[in-house]
Amino acid sequence: MTKMKLGVSMDFSAAHFLPQHPGKCKDLHGHTYKVEIVVVGEQKGSTGCVADFAEVKAHVGAVLELVDHKFLNEILETPSSENIALFLKQQLEKKLEQSDLGVSLYSIKLWEGRDKWVMIELS
């Protein structure tokens, strides 16, 4: 079998503030975040698919419900983009482990607006 990567992108909106930040981010504000998730797995079955895109998006969507239209300071002590990405990574890894998709998380990229992002790559 051949290992392949596949990816999905989804958006969510949330508010936060970073009290220790020296600039504007210390004040309450919001973002529309974009999340790009890449999973890795082997082709399987007669379809040759690694996983159904709709099923991967459903799992990602379930995780994003934890943060969508939320006040992130109530979820994370310091809701920087880096910490939000780590939180999403941990939640998605749990979700994928509990599923029967047969894929694992390869990377997560969190966009804060259109021109800023943080990425976690797993080995």
PDB file of N, CA and C in Angstrom:
ATOM      1  N   MET A   1       0.832  -1.191   0.000  1.00  0.00           N
ATOM      2  CA  MET A   1       0.000   0.000   0.000  1.00  0.00           C
ATOM      3  C   MET A   1       0.877   1.255   0.000  1.00  0.00           C
ATOM      4  N   THR A   2       0.302   2.323  -0.508  1.00  0.00           N
ATOM      5  CA  THR A   2       1.010   3.586  -0.616  1.00  0.00           C
ATOM      6  C   THR A   2       0.474   4.566   0.417  1.00  0.00           C
ATOM      7  N   LYS A   3       1.389   5.140   1.189  1.00  0.00           N
ATOM      8  CA  LYS A   3       0.969   6.184   2.133  1.00  0.00           C
ATOM      9  C   LYS A   3       0.788   7.479   1.365  1.00  0.00           C
ATOM     10  N   MET A   4      -0.276   8.187   1.729  1.00  0.00           N
ATOM     11  CA  MET A   4      -0.576   9.476   1.102  1.00  0.00           C
ATOM     12  C   MET A   4      -1.051  10.453   2.154  1.00  0.00           C
ATOM     13  N   LYS A   5      -0.919  11.723   1.796  1.00  0.00           N
ATOM     14  CA  LYS A   5      -1.420  12.790   2.653  1.00  0.00           C
ATOM     15  C   LYS A   5      -2.634  13.407   1.973  1.00  0.00           C
ATOM     16  N   LEU A   6      -3.618  13.790   2.779  1.00  0.00           N
ATOM     17  CA  LEU A   6      -4.729  14.563   2.243  1.00  0.00           C
ATOM     18  C   LEU A   6      -5.052  15.668   3.226  1.00  0.00           C
ATOM     19  N   GLY A   7      -5.614  16.735   2.685  1.00  0.00           N
ATOM     20  CA  GLY A   7      -5.852  17.895   3.528  1.00  0.00           C
ATOM     21  C   GLY A   7      -7.227  18.489   3.359  1.00  0.00           C
ATOM     22  N   VAL A   8      -7.664  19.163   4.405  1.00  0.00           N
ATOM     23  CA  VAL A   8      -8.917  19.905   4.401  1.00  0.00           C
ATOM     24  C   VAL A   8      -8.682  21.256   5.068  1.00  0.00           C
ATOM     25  N   SER A   9      -9.494  22.225   4.684  1.00  0.00           N
ATOM     26  CA  SER A   9      -9.432  23.564   5.273  1.00  0.00           C
ATOM     27  C   SER A   9     -10.812  23.940   5.773  1.00  0.00           C
ATOM     28  N   MET A  10     -10.840  24.599   6.924  1.00  0.00           N
ATOM     29  CA  MET A  10     -12.097  25.083   7.495  1.00  0.00           C
ATOM     30  C   MET A  10     -11.820  26.395   8.233  1.00  0.00           C
ATOM     31  N   ASP A  11     -12.868  27.150   8.481  1.00  0.00           N
ATOM     32  CA  ASP A  11     -12.749  28.436   9.173  1.00  0.00           C
ATOM     33  C   ASP A  11     -13.518  28.412  10.488  1.00  0.00           C
ATOM     34  N   PHE A  12     -13.089  29.278  11.397  1.00  0.00           N
ATOM     35  CA  PHE A  12     -13.864  29.557  12.604  1.00  0.00           C
ATOM     36  C   PHE A  12     -13.558  30.973  13.051  1.00  0.00           C
ATOM     37  N   SER A  13     -14.444  31.541  13.813  1.00  0.00           N
ATOM     38  CA  SER A  13     -14.275  32.895  14.342  1.00  0.00           C
ATOM     39  C   SER A  13     -14.266  32.830  15.857  1.00  0.00           C
ATOM     40  N   ALA A  14     -13.424  33.677  16.462  1.00  0.00           N
ATOM     41  CA  ALA A  14     -13.330  33.693  17.924  1.00  0.00           C
ATOM     42  C   ALA A  14     -12.724  35.020  18.380  1.00  0.00           C
ATOM     43  N   ALA A  15     -12.916  35.296  19.667  1.00  0.00           N
ATOM     44  CA  ALA A  15     -12.373  36.504  20.284  1.00  0.00           C
ATOM     45  C   ALA A  15     -11.363  36.113  21.356  1.00  0.00           C
ATOM     46  N   HIS A  16     -10.410  37.005  21.603  1.00  0.00           N
ATOM     47  CA  HIS A  16      -9.424  36.784  22.667  1.00  0.00           C
ATOM     48  C   HIS A  16      -8.687  38.084  22.954  1.00  0.00           C
ATOM     49  N   PHE A  17      -7.872  38.033  23.979  1.00  0.00           N
ATOM     50  CA  PHE A  17      -6.907  39.099  24.244  1.00  0.00           C
ATOM     51  C   PHE A  17      -5.684  38.450  24.862  1.00  0.00           C
ATOM     52  N   LEU A  18      -4.553  39.119  24.709  1.00  0.00           N
ATOM     53  CA  LEU A  18      -3.283  38.623  25.238  1.00  0.00           C
ATOM     54  C   LEU A  18      -2.753  39.661  26.218  1.00  0.00           C
ATOM     55  N   PRO A  19      -3.051  39.503  27.518  1.00  0.00           N
ATOM     56  CA  PRO A  19      -2.729  40.552  28.497  1.00  0.00           C
ATOM     57  C   PRO A  19      -1.250  40.917  28.576  1.00  0.00           C
ATOM     58  N   GLN A  20      -0.352  39.984  28.284  1.00  0.00           N
ATOM     59  CA  GLN A  20       1.079  40.277  28.366  1.00  0.00           C
ATOM     60  C   GLN A  20       1.631  40.870  27.074  1.00  0.00           C
ATOM     61  N   HIS A  21       0.819  40.977  26.044  1.00  0.00           N
ATOM     62  CA  HIS A  21       1.290  41.470  24.745  1.00  0.00           C
ATOM     63  C   HIS A  21       1.555  42.972  24.831  1.00  0.00           C
ATOM     64  N   PRO A  22       2.671  43.442  24.257  1.00  0.00           N
ATOM     65  CA  PRO A  22       2.998  44.869  24.356  1.00  0.00           C
ATOM     66  C   PRO A  22       2.196  45.759  23.403  1.00  0.00           C
ATOM     67  N   GLY A  23       1.524  45.179  22.432  1.00  0.00           N
ATOM     68  CA  GLY A  23       0.804  45.977  21.435  1.00  0.00           C
ATOM     69  C   GLY A  23      -0.695  45.891  21.575  1.00  0.00           C
ATOM     70  N   LYS A  24      -1.378  46.079  20.455  1.00  0.00           N
ATOM     71  CA  LYS A  24      -2.840  46.108  20.420  1.00  0.00           C
ATOM     72  C   LYS A  24      -3.485  44.801  20.868  1.00  0.00           C
ATOM     73  N   CYS A  25      -2.767  43.703  20.733  1.00  0.00           N
ATOM     74  CA  CYS A  25      -3.353  42.393  21.054  1.00  0.00           C
ATOM     75  C   CYS A  25      -3.686  42.228  22.535  1.00  0.00           C
ATOM     76  N   LYS A  26      -3.226  43.175  23.376  1.00  0.00           N
ATOM     77  CA  LYS A  26      -3.570  43.091  24.799  1.00  0.00           C
ATOM     78  C   LYS A  26      -5.041  43.433  25.030  1.00  0.00           C
ATOM     79  N   ASP A  27      -5.675  44.065  24.038  1.00  0.00           N
ATOM     80  CA  ASP A  27      -7.089  44.429  24.148  1.00  0.00           C
ATOM     81  C   ASP A  27      -7.958  43.364  23.477  1.00  0.00           C
ATOM     82  N   LEU A  28      -9.191  43.278  23.924  1.00  0.00           N
ATOM     83  CA  LEU A  28     -10.143  42.325  23.369  1.00  0.00           C
ATOM     84  C   LEU A  28     -10.330  42.578  21.871  1.00  0.00           C
ATOM     85  N   HIS A  29     -10.227  41.508  21.074  1.00  0.00           N
ATOM     86  CA  HIS A  29     -10.422  41.590  19.632  1.00  0.00           C
ATOM     87  C   HIS A  29     -10.764  40.208  19.097  1.00  0.00           C
ATOM     88  N   GLY A  30     -11.111  40.138  17.834  1.00  0.00           N
ATOM     89  CA  GLY A  30     -11.482  38.858  17.250  1.00  0.00           C
ATOM     90  C   GLY A  30     -10.808  38.620  15.920  1.00  0.00           C
ATOM     91  N   HIS A  31     -10.859  37.372  15.496  1.00  0.00           N
ATOM     92  CA  HIS A  31     -10.283  36.963  14.218  1.00  0.00           C
ATOM     93  C   HIS A  31     -11.198  35.946  13.557  1.00  0.00           C
ATOM     94  N   THR A  32     -11.095  35.875  12.253  1.00  0.00           N
ATOM     95  CA  THR A  32     -11.593  34.722  11.526  1.00  0.00           C
ATOM     96  C   THR A  32     -10.353  33.901  11.211  1.00  0.00           C
ATOM     97  N   TYR A  33     -10.290  32.725  11.809  1.00  0.00           N
ATOM     98  CA  TYR A  33      -9.149  31.830  11.650  1.00  0.00           C
ATOM     99  C   TYR A  33      -9.442  30.835  10.538  1.00  0.00           C
ATOM    100  N   LYS A  34      -8.401  30.423   9.857  1.00  0.00           N
ATOM    101  CA  LYS A  34      -8.496  29.339   8.885  1.00  0.00           C
ATOM    102  C   LYS A  34      -7.587  28.228   9.387  1.00  0.00           C
ATOM    103  N   VAL A  35      -8.083  27.006   9.348  1.00  0.00           N
ATOM    104  CA  VAL A  35      -7.303  25.861   9.797  1.00  0.00           C
ATOM    105  C   VAL A  35      -7.114  24.927   8.606  1.00  0.00           C
ATOM    106  N   GLU A  36      -5.862  24.580   8.348  1.00  0.00           N
ATOM    107  CA  GLU A  36      -5.543  23.599   7.313  1.00  0.00           C
ATOM    108  C   GLU A  36      -5.015  22.362   8.021  1.00  0.00           C
ATOM    109  N   ILE A  37      -5.695  21.251   7.812  1.00  0.00           N
ATOM    110  CA  ILE A  37      -5.335  19.990   8.460  1.00  0.00           C
ATOM    111  C   ILE A  37      -4.852  19.023   7.391  1.00  0.00           C
ATOM    112  N   VAL A  38      -3.718  18.378   7.631  1.00  0.00           N
ATOM    113  CA  VAL A  38      -3.225  17.329   6.745  1.00  0.00           C
ATOM    114  C   VAL A  38      -3.141  16.048   7.562  1.00  0.00           C
ATOM    115  N   VAL A  39      -3.737  14.991   7.029  1.00  0.00           N
ATOM    116  CA  VAL A  39      -3.657  13.674   7.652  1.00  0.00           C
ATOM    117  C   VAL A  39      -2.891  12.755   6.709  1.00  0.00           C
ATOM    118  N   VAL A  40      -2.379  11.678   7.279  1.00  0.00           N
ATOM    119  CA  VAL A  40      -1.625  10.706   6.474  1.00  0.00           C
ATOM    120  C   VAL A  40      -2.173   9.318   6.758  1.00  0.00           C
ATOM    121  N   GLY A  41      -2.217   8.523   5.713  1.00  0.00           N
ATOM    122  CA  GLY A  41      -2.690   7.153   5.845  1.00  0.00           C
ATOM    123  C   GLY A  41      -2.405   6.383   4.568  1.00  0.00           C
ATOM    124  N   GLU A  42      -2.824   5.139   4.570  1.00  0.00           N
ATOM    125  CA  GLU A  42      -2.604   4.299   3.399  1.00  0.00           C
ATOM    126  C   GLU A  42      -3.881   4.169   2.588  1.00  0.00           C
ATOM    127  N   GLN A  43      -3.706   4.025   1.291  1.00  0.00           N
ATOM    128  CA  GLN A  43      -4.851   3.746   0.432  1.00  0.00           C
ATOM    129  C   GLN A  43      -5.468   2.435   0.879  1.00  0.00           C
ATOM    130  N   LYS A  44      -6.787   2.388   0.826  1.00  0.00           N
ATOM    131  CA  LYS A  44      -7.429   1.148   1.251  1.00  0.00           C
ATOM    132  C   LYS A  44      -8.678   0.873   0.428  1.00  0.00           C
ATOM    133  N   GLY A  45      -9.078  -0.380   0.424  1.00  0.00           N
ATOM    134  CA  GLY A  45     -10.318  -0.790  -0.219  1.00  0.00           C
ATOM    135  C   GLY A  45     -10.321  -0.614  -1.721  1.00  0.00           C
ATOM    136  N   SER A  46     -11.450  -0.878  -2.273  1.00  0.00           N
ATOM    137  CA  SER A  46     -11.597  -0.819  -3.724  1.00  0.00           C
ATOM    138  C   SER A  46     -11.587   0.613  -4.253  1.00  0.00           C
ATOM    139  N   THR A  47     -11.851   1.590  -3.380  1.00  0.00           N
ATOM    140  CA  THR A  47     -11.871   2.988  -3.820  1.00  0.00           C
ATOM    141  C   THR A  47     -10.467   3.550  -3.999  1.00  0.00           C
ATOM    142  N   GLY A  48      -9.505   2.993  -3.297  1.00  0.00           N
ATOM    143  CA  GLY A  48      -8.155   3.535  -3.339  1.00  0.00           C
ATOM    144  C   GLY A  48      -8.002   4.811  -2.542  1.00  0.00           C
ATOM    145  N   CYS A  49      -9.022   5.159  -1.759  1.00  0.00           N
ATOM    146  CA  CYS A  49      -8.988   6.387  -0.959  1.00  0.00           C
ATOM    147  C   CYS A  49      -8.217   6.163   0.341  1.00  0.00           C
ATOM    148  N   VAL A  50      -7.593   7.202   0.816  1.00  0.00           N
ATOM    149  CA  VAL A  50      -6.972   7.191   2.138  1.00  0.00           C
ATOM    150  C   VAL A  50      -8.075   7.350   3.183  1.00  0.00           C
ATOM    151  N   ALA A  51      -8.951   8.319   2.948  1.00  0.00           N
ATOM    152  CA  ALA A  51     -10.095   8.584   3.820  1.00  0.00           C
ATOM    153  C   ALA A  51     -11.080   9.424   3.029  1.00  0.00           C
ATOM    154  N   ASP A  52     -12.304   9.403   3.443  1.00  0.00           N
ATOM    155  CA  ASP A  52     -13.333  10.224   2.819  1.00  0.00           C
ATOM    156  C   ASP A  52     -13.150  11.661   3.308  1.00  0.00           C
ATOM    157  N   PHE A  53     -13.029  12.607   2.377  1.00  0.00           N
ATOM    158  CA  PHE A  53     -12.847  14.008   2.754  1.00  0.00           C
ATOM    159  C   PHE A  53     -13.955  14.481   3.682  1.00  0.00           C
ATOM    160  N   ALA A  54     -15.187  14.074   3.411  1.00  0.00           N
ATOM    161  CA  ALA A  54     -16.326  14.505   4.236  1.00  0.00           C
ATOM    162  C   ALA A  54     -16.178  14.007   5.669  1.00  0.00           C
ATOM    163  N   GLU A  55     -15.669  12.790   5.838  1.00  0.00           N
ATOM    164  CA  GLU A  55     -15.488  12.263   7.198  1.00  0.00           C
ATOM    165  C   GLU A  55     -14.369  12.995   7.925  1.00  0.00           C
ATOM    166  N   VAL A  56     -13.289  13.304   7.226  1.00  0.00           N
ATOM    167  CA  VAL A  56     -12.196  14.069   7.851  1.00  0.00           C
ATOM    168  C   VAL A  56     -12.720  15.441   8.265  1.00  0.00           C
ATOM    169  N   LYS A  57     -13.470  16.100   7.364  1.00  0.00           N
ATOM    170  CA  LYS A  57     -14.023  17.424   7.685  1.00  0.00           C
ATOM    171  C   LYS A  57     -14.993  17.354   8.860  1.00  0.00           C
ATOM    172  N   ALA A  58     -15.732  16.266   8.974  1.00  0.00           N
ATOM    173  CA  ALA A  58     -16.662  16.125  10.096  1.00  0.00           C
ATOM    174  C   ALA A  58     -15.907  16.072  11.415  1.00  0.00           C
ATOM    175  N   HIS A  59     -14.790  15.363  11.453  1.00  0.00           N
ATOM    176  CA  HIS A  59     -13.985  15.290  12.678  1.00  0.00           C
ATOM    177  C   HIS A  59     -13.350  16.642  12.992  1.00  0.00           C
ATOM    178  N   VAL A  60     -12.822  17.303  11.966  1.00  0.00           N
ATOM    179  CA  VAL A  60     -12.242  18.631  12.177  1.00  0.00           C
ATOM    180  C   VAL A  60     -13.330  19.592  12.651  1.00  0.00           C
ATOM    181  N   GLY A  61     -14.495  19.539  12.025  1.00  0.00           N
ATOM    182  CA  GLY A  61     -15.601  20.415  12.414  1.00  0.00           C
ATOM    183  C   GLY A  61     -16.025  20.217  13.856  1.00  0.00           C
ATOM    184  N   ALA A  62     -16.029  18.958  14.305  1.00  0.00           N
ATOM    185  CA  ALA A  62     -16.392  18.678  15.703  1.00  0.00           C
ATOM    186  C   ALA A  62     -15.397  19.322  16.664  1.00  0.00           C
ATOM    187  N   VAL A  63     -14.127  19.318  16.307  1.00  0.00           N
ATOM    188  CA  VAL A  63     -13.104  19.951  17.142  1.00  0.00           C
ATOM    189  C   VAL A  63     -13.256  21.475  17.092  1.00  0.00           C
ATOM    190  N   LEU A  64     -13.519  22.017  15.912  1.00  0.00           N
ATOM    191  CA  LEU A  64     -13.644  23.468  15.792  1.00  0.00           C
ATOM    192  C   LEU A  64     -14.855  24.009  16.539  1.00  0.00           C
ATOM    193  N   GLU A  65     -15.860  23.180  16.780  1.00  0.00           N
ATOM    194  CA  GLU A  65     -17.007  23.612  17.581  1.00  0.00           C
ATOM    195  C   GLU A  65     -16.582  24.038  18.985  1.00  0.00           C
ATOM    196  N   LEU A  66     -15.458  23.501  19.448  1.00  0.00           N
ATOM    197  CA  LEU A  66     -14.952  23.858  20.778  1.00  0.00           C
ATOM    198  C   LEU A  66     -14.483  25.311  20.844  1.00  0.00           C
ATOM    199  N   VAL A  67     -14.115  25.887  19.688  1.00  0.00           N
ATOM    200  CA  VAL A  67     -13.555  27.241  19.668  1.00  0.00           C
ATOM    201  C   VAL A  67     -14.349  28.239  18.835  1.00  0.00           C
ATOM    202  N   ASP A  68     -15.237  27.750  17.970  1.00  0.00           N
ATOM    203  CA  ASP A  68     -15.958  28.647  17.064  1.00  0.00           C
ATOM    204  C   ASP A  68     -16.920  29.549  17.841  1.00  0.00           C
ATOM    205  N   HIS A  69     -16.787  30.844  17.573  1.00  0.00           N
ATOM    206  CA  HIS A  69     -17.599  31.873  18.225  1.00  0.00           C
ATOM    207  C   HIS A  69     -17.507  31.791  19.747  1.00  0.00           C
ATOM    208  N   LYS A  70     -16.296  31.525  20.221  1.00  0.00           N
ATOM    209  CA  LYS A  70     -16.029  31.446  21.660  1.00  0.00           C
ATOM    210  C   LYS A  70     -15.059  32.556  22.063  1.00  0.00           C
ATOM    211  N   PHE A  71     -15.030  32.804  23.366  1.00  0.00           N
ATOM    212  CA  PHE A  71     -14.045  33.695  23.976  1.00  0.00           C
ATOM    213  C   PHE A  71     -12.890  32.797  24.402  1.00  0.00           C
ATOM    214  N   LEU A  72     -11.807  32.819  23.649  1.00  0.00           N
ATOM    215  CA  LEU A  72     -10.722  31.850  23.817  1.00  0.00           C
ATOM    216  C   LEU A  72     -10.020  31.942  25.167  1.00  0.00           C
ATOM    217  N   ASN A  73     -10.070  33.087  25.824  1.00  0.00           N
ATOM    218  CA  ASN A  73      -9.449  33.209  27.146  1.00  0.00           C
ATOM    219  C   ASN A  73     -10.147  32.342  28.188  1.00  0.00           C
ATOM    220  N   GLU A  74     -11.371  31.918  27.915  1.00  0.00           N
ATOM    221  CA  GLU A  74     -12.071  31.002  28.821  1.00  0.00           C
ATOM    222  C   GLU A  74     -11.665  29.543  28.575  1.00  0.00           C
ATOM    223  N   ILE A  75     -10.960  29.293  27.474  1.00  0.00           N
ATOM    224  CA  ILE A  75     -10.530  27.937  27.109  1.00  0.00           C
ATOM    225  C   ILE A  75      -9.036  27.751  27.350  1.00  0.00           C
ATOM    226  N   LEU A  76      -8.261  28.775  27.036  1.00  0.00           N
ATOM    227  CA  LEU A  76      -6.797  28.731  27.161  1.00  0.00           C
ATOM    228  C   LEU A  76      -6.315  29.909  28.003  1.00  0.00           C
ATOM    229  N   GLU A  77      -5.343  29.651  28.854  1.00  0.00           N
ATOM    230  CA  GLU A  77      -4.805  30.729  29.699  1.00  0.00           C
ATOM    231  C   GLU A  77      -4.203  31.838  28.849  1.00  0.00           C
ATOM    232  N   THR A  78      -3.432  31.471  27.844  1.00  0.00           N
ATOM    233  CA  THR A  78      -2.828  32.427  26.928  1.00  0.00           C
ATOM    234  C   THR A  78      -3.160  31.992  25.501  1.00  0.00           C
ATOM    235  N   PRO A  79      -4.232  32.529  24.924  1.00  0.00           N
ATOM    236  CA  PRO A  79      -4.689  32.057  23.623  1.00  0.00           C
ATOM    237  C   PRO A  79      -3.963  32.705  22.431  1.00  0.00           C
ATOM    238  N   SER A  80      -2.640  32.542  22.414  1.00  0.00           N
ATOM    239  CA  SER A  80      -1.866  32.971  21.251  1.00  0.00           C
ATOM    240  C   SER A  80      -2.162  32.003  20.106  1.00  0.00           C
ATOM    241  N   SER A  81      -1.816  32.381  18.909  1.00  0.00           N
ATOM    242  CA  SER A  81      -2.023  31.476  17.766  1.00  0.00           C
ATOM    243  C   SER A  81      -1.305  30.157  17.986  1.00  0.00           C
ATOM    244  N   GLU A  82      -0.110  30.220  18.551  1.00  0.00           N
ATOM    245  CA  GLU A  82       0.651  28.998  18.815  1.00  0.00           C
ATOM    246  C   GLU A  82      -0.091  28.080  19.782  1.00  0.00           C
ATOM    247  N   ASN A  83      -0.625  28.659  20.858  1.00  0.00           N
ATOM    248  CA  ASN A  83      -1.346  27.845  21.846  1.00  0.00           C
ATOM    249  C   ASN A  83      -2.687  27.345  21.322  1.00  0.00           C
ATOM    250  N   ILE A  84      -3.333  28.141  20.479  1.00  0.00           N
ATOM    251  CA  ILE A  84      -4.579  27.680  19.859  1.00  0.00           C
ATOM    252  C   ILE A  84      -4.281  26.488  18.952  1.00  0.00           C
ATOM    253  N   ALA A  85      -3.212  26.580  18.165  1.00  0.00           N
ATOM    254  CA  ALA A  85      -2.828  25.468  17.281  1.00  0.00           C
ATOM    255  C   ALA A  85      -2.506  24.214  18.086  1.00  0.00           C
ATOM    256  N   LEU A  86      -1.806  24.371  19.211  1.00  0.00           N
ATOM    257  CA  LEU A  86      -1.504  23.207  20.059  1.00  0.00           C
ATOM    258  C   LEU A  86      -2.777  22.587  20.630  1.00  0.00           C
ATOM    259  N   PHE A  87      -3.698  23.423  21.059  1.00  0.00           N
ATOM    260  CA  PHE A  87      -4.977  22.932  21.586  1.00  0.00           C
ATOM    261  C   PHE A  87      -5.731  22.143  20.512  1.00  0.00           C
ATOM    262  N   LEU A  88      -5.823  22.712  19.310  1.00  0.00           N
ATOM    263  CA  LEU A  88      -6.521  22.034  18.220  1.00  0.00           C
ATOM    264  C   LEU A  88      -5.826  20.723  17.852  1.00  0.00           C
ATOM    265  N   LYS A  89      -4.509  20.730  17.857  1.00  0.00           N
ATOM    266  CA  LYS A  89      -3.735  19.509  17.573  1.00  0.00           C
ATOM    267  C   LYS A  89      -4.084  18.415  18.573  1.00  0.00           C
ATOM    268  N   GLN A  90      -4.050  18.747  19.852  1.00  0.00           N
ATOM    269  CA  GLN A  90      -4.346  17.754  20.892  1.00  0.00           C
ATOM    270  C   GLN A  90      -5.759  17.207  20.753  1.00  0.00           C
ATOM    271  N   GLN A  91      -6.716  18.077  20.512  1.00  0.00           N
ATOM    272  CA  GLN A  91      -8.108  17.653  20.392  1.00  0.00           C
ATOM    273  C   GLN A  91      -8.321  16.799  19.145  1.00  0.00           C
ATOM    274  N   LEU A  92      -7.679  17.196  18.044  1.00  0.00           N
ATOM    275  CA  LEU A  92      -7.851  16.442  16.802  1.00  0.00           C
ATOM    276  C   LEU A  92      -7.162  15.084  16.868  1.00  0.00           C
ATOM    277  N   GLU A  93      -6.009  15.034  17.504  1.00  0.00           N
ATOM    278  CA  GLU A  93      -5.333  13.735  17.667  1.00  0.00           C
ATOM    279  C   GLU A  93      -6.226  12.765  18.442  1.00  0.00           C
ATOM    280  N   LYS A  94      -6.849  13.244  19.522  1.00  0.00           N
ATOM    281  CA  LYS A  94      -7.765  12.400  20.299  1.00  0.00           C
ATOM    282  C   LYS A  94      -8.924  11.922  19.426  1.00  0.00           C
ATOM    283  N   LYS A  95      -9.504  12.846  18.677  1.00  0.00           N
ATOM    284  CA  LYS A  95     -10.658  12.538  17.836  1.00  0.00           C
ATOM    285  C   LYS A  95     -10.293  11.491  16.778  1.00  0.00           C
ATOM    286  N   LEU A  96      -9.130  11.643  16.155  1.00  0.00           N
ATOM    287  CA  LEU A  96      -8.726  10.694  15.114  1.00  0.00           C
ATOM    288  C   LEU A  96      -8.388   9.326  15.697  1.00  0.00           C
ATOM    289  N   GLU A  97      -7.781   9.316  16.884  1.00  0.00           N
ATOM    290  CA  GLU A  97      -7.468   8.035  17.541  1.00  0.00           C
ATOM    291  C   GLU A  97      -8.737   7.259  17.870  1.00  0.00           C
ATOM    292  N   GLN A  98      -9.809   7.964  18.208  1.00  0.00           N
ATOM    293  CA  GLN A  98     -11.072   7.323  18.567  1.00  0.00           C
ATOM    294  C   GLN A  98     -11.896   6.916  17.343  1.00  0.00           C
ATOM    295  N   SER A  99     -11.486   7.385  16.183  1.00  0.00           N
ATOM    296  CA  SER A  99     -12.255   7.104  14.971  1.00  0.00           C
ATOM    297  C   SER A  99     -11.748   5.832  14.291  1.00  0.00           C
ATOM    298  N   ASP A 100     -12.461   5.430  13.265  1.00  0.00           N
ATOM    299  CA  ASP A 100     -12.029   4.286  12.475  1.00  0.00           C
ATOM    300  C   ASP A 100     -11.546   4.726  11.084  1.00  0.00           C
ATOM    301  N   LEU A 101     -11.137   5.988  10.969  1.00  0.00           N
ATOM    302  CA  LEU A 101     -10.677   6.510   9.680  1.00  0.00           C
ATOM    303  C   LEU A 101      -9.358   5.886   9.225  1.00  0.00           C
ATOM    304  N   GLY A 102      -8.533   5.467  10.171  1.00  0.00           N
ATOM    305  CA  GLY A 102      -7.252   4.873   9.801  1.00  0.00           C
ATOM    306  C   GLY A 102      -6.227   5.879   9.316  1.00  0.00           C
ATOM    307  N   VAL A 103      -6.348   7.129   9.772  1.00  0.00           N
ATOM    308  CA  VAL A 103      -5.374   8.164   9.422  1.00  0.00           C
ATOM    309  C   VAL A 103      -4.839   8.785  10.702  1.00  0.00           C
ATOM    310  N   SER A 104      -3.709   9.442  10.581  1.00  0.00           N
ATOM    311  CA  SER A 104      -3.157  10.176  11.718  1.00  0.00           C
ATOM    312  C   SER A 104      -2.840  11.598  11.276  1.00  0.00           C
ATOM    313  N   LEU A 105      -2.775  12.477  12.243  1.00  0.00           N
ATOM    314  CA  LEU A 105      -2.498  13.880  11.964  1.00  0.00           C
ATOM    315  C   LEU A 105      -1.060  14.037  11.494  1.00  0.00           C
ATOM    316  N   TYR A 106      -0.875  14.744  10.412  1.00  0.00           N
ATOM    317  CA  TYR A 106       0.457  15.010   9.859  1.00  0.00           C
ATOM    318  C   TYR A 106       0.884  16.450  10.150  1.00  0.00           C
ATOM    319  N   SER A 107      -0.053  17.382   9.947  1.00  0.00           N
ATOM    320  CA  SER A 107       0.263  18.786  10.242  1.00  0.00           C
ATOM    321  C   SER A 107      -1.023  19.570  10.446  1.00  0.00           C
ATOM    322  N   ILE A 108      -0.850  20.679  11.117  1.00  0.00           N
ATOM    323  CA  ILE A 108      -1.945  21.631  11.303  1.00  0.00           C
ATOM    324  C   ILE A 108      -1.373  23.020  11.086  1.00  0.00           C
ATOM    325  N   LYS A 109      -2.060  23.807  10.299  1.00  0.00           N
ATOM    326  CA  LYS A 109      -1.645  25.183  10.025  1.00  0.00           C
ATOM    327  C   LYS A 109      -2.821  26.077  10.389  1.00  0.00           C
ATOM    328  N   LEU A 110      -2.579  27.022  11.268  1.00  0.00           N
ATOM    329  CA  LEU A 110      -3.609  27.937  11.733  1.00  0.00           C
ATOM    330  C   LEU A 110      -3.301  29.329  11.214  1.00  0.00           C
ATOM    331  N   TRP A 111      -4.200  29.859  10.402  1.00  0.00           N
ATOM    332  CA  TRP A 111      -4.080  31.211   9.874  1.00  0.00           C
ATOM    333  C   TRP A 111      -4.845  32.158  10.779  1.00  0.00           C
ATOM    334  N   GLU A 112      -4.183  33.213  11.228  1.00  0.00           N
ATOM    335  CA  GLU A 112      -4.841  34.293  11.970  1.00  0.00           C
ATOM    336  C   GLU A 112      -5.039  35.432  10.976  1.00  0.00           C
ATOM    337  N   GLY A 113      -6.211  35.489  10.386  1.00  0.00           N
ATOM    338  CA  GLY A 113      -6.446  36.441   9.301  1.00  0.00           C
ATOM    339  C   GLY A 113      -5.853  35.913   8.007  1.00  0.00           C
ATOM    340  N   ARG A 114      -5.574  36.826   7.071  1.00  0.00           N
ATOM    341  CA  ARG A 114      -5.109  36.413   5.745  1.00  0.00           C
ATOM    342  C   ARG A 114      -3.606  36.259   5.621  1.00  0.00           C
ATOM    343  N   ASP A 115      -2.837  36.866   6.507  1.00  0.00           N
ATOM    344  CA  ASP A 115      -1.401  36.950   6.227  1.00  0.00           C
ATOM    345  C   ASP A 115      -0.479  36.518   7.374  1.00  0.00           C
ATOM    346  N   LYS A 116      -1.047  35.830   8.371  1.00  0.00           N
ATOM    347  CA  LYS A 116      -0.232  35.366   9.507  1.00  0.00           C
ATOM    348  C   LYS A 116      -0.631  33.949   9.836  1.00  0.00           C
ATOM    349  N   TRP A 117       0.354  33.084  10.074  1.00  0.00           N
ATOM    350  CA  TRP A 117       0.016  31.700  10.409  1.00  0.00           C
ATOM    351  C   TRP A 117       1.085  31.063  11.273  1.00  0.00           C
ATOM    352  N   VAL A 118       0.675  29.976  11.904  1.00  0.00           N
ATOM    353  CA  VAL A 118       1.574  29.124  12.674  1.00  0.00           C
ATOM    354  C   VAL A 118       1.311  27.686  12.209  1.00  0.00           C
ATOM    355  N   MET A 119       2.360  26.883  12.174  1.00  0.00           N
ATOM    356  CA  MET A 119       2.215  25.519  11.676  1.00  0.00           C
ATOM    357  C   MET A 119       2.908  24.538  12.623  1.00  0.00           C
ATOM    358  N   ILE A 120       2.238  23.404  12.837  1.00  0.00           N
ATOM    359  CA  ILE A 120       2.819  22.309  13.606  1.00  0.00           C
ATOM    360  C   ILE A 120       2.912  21.120  12.670  1.00  0.00           C
ATOM    361  N   GLU A 121       4.115  20.586  12.525  1.00  0.00           N
ATOM    362  CA  GLU A 121       4.319  19.367  11.752  1.00  0.00           C
ATOM    363  C   GLU A 121       4.692  18.255  12.718  1.00  0.00           C
ATOM    364  N   LEU A 122       4.039  17.116  12.570  1.00  0.00           N
ATOM    365  CA  LEU A 122       4.334  15.974  13.427  1.00  0.00           C
ATOM    366  C   LEU A 122       5.285  15.051  12.680  1.00  0.00           C
ATOM    367  N   SER A 123       6.136  14.380  13.415  1.00  0.00           N
ATOM    368  CA  SER A 123       7.084  13.487  12.747  1.00  0.00           C
ATOM    369  C   SER A 123       6.544  12.070  12.692  1.00  0.00           C
TER     370      SER A 123
END
